[in-house]
Amino acid sequence: MTQENLNEIKKKPVFLKILCILTFIGAPLLIIKYIFSYIDLVDKIAQLNAFSAGFEGVSGMENIIEGSNALIKNGPVYLILLIVASVICLVGAILMLKLKKVGYYIYLIGEIAPIILPFILIKGFQTFGVFDYLIIGSSILFIVLYSLNFKRLS
């Protein structure tokens, strides 16, 4: 490494480096989770079909049944888009680590997409578990934390 590269590394805000490292750890873990969820989707679809059939005609379950049916129909596309969103977050974090402002916008797209996609593809959050809410909460937290470093990007 040249002295210029060492100076460039030293100029990067520590907080931004920590956020990027956490993103480099978290995004691949989410990609792995989504790949396994995609593989497991066939079994889940059978379970959701049985679940939906068991509650047809029960008052107050219409929204849950509708969400389950939407997940059955759009689940594969949803999971593939989540994988793409995680890759987009990685690209954004790499660019932010290089202090590029465009990286923030790319990262923002990758984080906001998983929050919006459920409303488009699976009729909201009826079929979500606790882990999914934690992912959304951490997405919002990371957007806020990266926003604190926005002024240091060029």
Protein backbone atom coordinates (compact mmCIF):
# COMPACT_ATOMS: atom_id res chain seq x y z
CA MET A 1 0.00 0.00 0.00
CA THR A 2 1.18 3.47 -0.77
CA GLN A 3 1.19 6.34 1.70
CA GLU A 4 -1.70 7.92 -0.23
CA ASN A 5 -3.86 4.78 0.27
CA LEU A 6 -3.04 4.72 3.99
CA ASN A 7 -4.03 8.38 4.34
CA GLU A 8 -7.28 7.70 2.51
CA ILE A 9 -8.11 4.82 4.87
CA LYS A 10 -7.38 6.99 7.90
CA LYS A 11 -9.72 9.75 6.64
CA LYS A 12 -12.75 7.45 6.61
CA PRO A 13 -15.03 7.98 9.59
CA VAL A 14 -14.80 5.11 12.07
CA PHE A 15 -18.58 5.03 12.51
CA LEU A 16 -19.08 4.63 8.76
CA LYS A 17 -16.49 1.84 8.65
CA ILE A 18 -18.31 0.02 11.47
CA LEU A 19 -21.66 0.36 9.70
CA CYS A 20 -20.18 -0.94 6.45
CA ILE A 21 -18.58 -3.91 8.23
CA LEU A 22 -21.91 -4.73 9.86
CA THR A 23 -23.54 -4.52 6.44
CA PHE A 24 -20.84 -6.79 4.97
CA ILE A 25 -21.74 -9.33 7.66
CA GLY A 26 -25.52 -8.91 7.70
CA ALA A 27 -26.35 -8.75 3.99
CA PRO A 28 -24.68 -12.09 3.10
CA LEU A 29 -26.43 -13.71 6.07
CA LEU A 30 -29.75 -12.43 4.77
CA ILE A 31 -28.90 -13.69 1.28
CA ILE A 32 -28.27 -17.15 2.75
CA LYS A 33 -31.53 -16.96 4.73
CA TYR A 34 -33.49 -15.99 1.63
CA ILE A 35 -31.89 -18.77 -0.44
CA PHE A 36 -32.86 -21.36 2.17
CA SER A 37 -36.34 -19.84 2.40
CA TYR A 38 -36.65 -20.16 -1.37
CA ILE A 39 -35.59 -23.80 -1.21
CA ASP A 40 -38.03 -24.43 1.63
CA LEU A 41 -40.85 -22.60 -0.15
CA VAL A 42 -42.43 -25.72 -1.66
CA ASP A 43 -43.06 -27.17 1.81
CA LYS A 44 -44.32 -23.83 3.11
CA ILE A 45 -46.75 -23.51 0.20
CA ALA A 46 -48.26 -26.89 1.10
CA GLN A 47 -48.58 -25.76 4.73
CA LEU A 48 -50.18 -22.46 3.72
CA ASN A 49 -52.66 -24.25 1.45
CA ALA A 50 -53.69 -26.49 4.37
CA PHE A 51 -53.82 -23.48 6.70
CA SER A 52 -55.97 -21.45 4.33
CA ALA A 53 -58.35 -24.36 3.71
CA GLY A 54 -58.77 -24.89 7.46
CA PHE A 55 -59.89 -21.32 8.09
CA GLU A 56 -62.13 -20.66 5.10
CA GLY A 57 -65.42 -19.21 6.22
CA VAL A 58 -64.11 -18.26 9.67
CA SER A 59 -64.99 -14.69 10.52
CA GLY A 60 -62.04 -12.28 10.78
CA MET A 61 -59.55 -14.54 8.96
CA GLU A 62 -60.15 -13.16 5.47
CA ASN A 63 -57.07 -10.88 5.51
CA ILE A 64 -54.77 -13.63 6.77
CA ILE A 65 -56.08 -16.09 4.17
CA GLU A 66 -55.69 -13.43 1.45
CA GLY A 67 -52.10 -12.76 2.59
CA SER A 68 -51.32 -16.49 2.63
CA ASN A 69 -52.71 -16.92 -0.88
CA ALA A 70 -50.68 -13.93 -2.10
CA LEU A 71 -47.55 -15.43 -0.52
CA ILE A 72 -48.25 -18.75 -2.26
CA LYS A 73 -48.63 -16.96 -5.58
CA ASN A 74 -45.80 -14.41 -5.27
CA GLY A 75 -43.44 -16.03 -2.77
CA PRO A 76 -40.72 -17.06 -5.25
CA VAL A 77 -40.61 -13.60 -6.86
CA TYR A 78 -40.63 -11.95 -3.43
CA LEU A 79 -37.66 -14.00 -2.20
CA ILE A 80 -35.66 -13.40 -5.38
CA LEU A 81 -36.27 -9.65 -5.03
CA LEU A 82 -35.13 -9.81 -1.39
CA ILE A 83 -31.90 -11.45 -2.51
CA VAL A 84 -31.42 -8.72 -5.14
CA ALA A 85 -32.14 -6.04 -2.51
CA SER A 86 -29.47 -7.52 -0.22
CA VAL A 87 -26.94 -7.48 -3.06
CA ILE A 88 -27.88 -3.86 -3.76
CA CYS A 89 -27.21 -3.04 -0.09
CA LEU A 90 -23.76 -4.62 -0.37
CA VAL A 91 -22.95 -2.56 -3.46
CA GLY A 92 -24.15 0.59 -1.72
CA ALA A 93 -22.05 -0.15 1.38
CA ILE A 94 -18.95 -0.77 -0.76
CA LEU A 95 -19.44 2.59 -2.46
CA MET A 96 -20.05 4.35 0.85
CA LEU A 97 -16.87 2.83 2.22
CA LYS A 98 -15.18 4.56 -0.73
CA LEU A 99 -16.99 7.73 0.47
CA LYS A 100 -19.23 7.90 -2.61
CA LYS A 101 -22.58 9.64 -2.09
CA VAL A 102 -24.22 7.50 -4.79
CA GLY A 103 -23.59 4.50 -2.52
CA TYR A 104 -26.01 5.95 0.03
CA TYR A 105 -28.77 6.20 -2.57
CA ILE A 106 -28.09 2.69 -3.83
CA TYR A 107 -28.11 1.37 -0.25
CA LEU A 108 -31.36 3.23 0.41
CA ILE A 109 -33.04 1.48 -2.53
CA GLY A 110 -31.83 -1.89 -1.24
CA GLU A 111 -33.19 -1.21 2.25
CA ILE A 112 -36.51 0.38 1.33
CA ALA A 113 -37.45 -2.29 -1.21
CA PRO A 114 -37.99 -5.05 1.41
CA ILE A 115 -40.23 -2.70 3.38
CA ILE A 116 -42.40 -1.85 0.35
CA LEU A 117 -42.41 -5.24 -1.42
CA PRO A 118 -44.72 -7.02 1.05
CA PHE A 119 -47.47 -4.50 0.34
CA ILE A 120 -47.10 -4.99 -3.40
CA LEU A 121 -46.60 -8.76 -3.55
CA ILE A 122 -48.11 -10.34 -0.44
CA LYS A 123 -50.78 -7.87 0.69
CA GLY A 124 -48.95 -6.49 3.70
CA PHE A 125 -47.36 -8.08 6.73
CA GLN A 126 -50.00 -10.68 7.70
CA THR A 127 -47.68 -13.61 7.01
CA PHE A 128 -44.61 -12.13 8.72
CA GLY A 129 -42.85 -13.61 11.71
CA VAL A 130 -40.87 -11.92 14.45
CA PHE A 131 -37.60 -12.31 12.50
CA ASP A 132 -39.07 -10.39 9.56
CA TYR A 133 -40.07 -7.50 11.82
CA LEU A 134 -36.54 -7.45 13.28
CA ILE A 135 -35.10 -7.22 9.78
CA ILE A 136 -37.39 -4.30 8.94
CA GLY A 137 -36.54 -2.58 12.24
CA SER A 138 -32.82 -3.00 11.64
CA SER A 139 -33.25 -1.71 8.07
CA ILE A 140 -34.83 1.48 9.36
CA LEU A 141 -32.12 1.80 12.03
CA PHE A 142 -29.33 1.39 9.47
CA ILE A 143 -30.93 3.94 7.14
CA VAL A 144 -30.92 6.45 10.00
CA LEU A 145 -27.34 5.59 11.00
CA TYR A 146 -26.02 5.81 7.45
CA SER A 147 -27.89 9.12 7.08
CA LEU A 148 -25.83 10.50 9.94
CA ASN A 149 -22.73 9.93 7.78
CA PHE A 150 -24.23 11.35 4.59
CA LYS A 151 -22.45 14.71 4.89
CA ARG A 152 -19.07 12.94 4.86
CA LEU A 153 -19.75 11.35 1.48
CA SER A 154 -18.78 13.06 -1.76
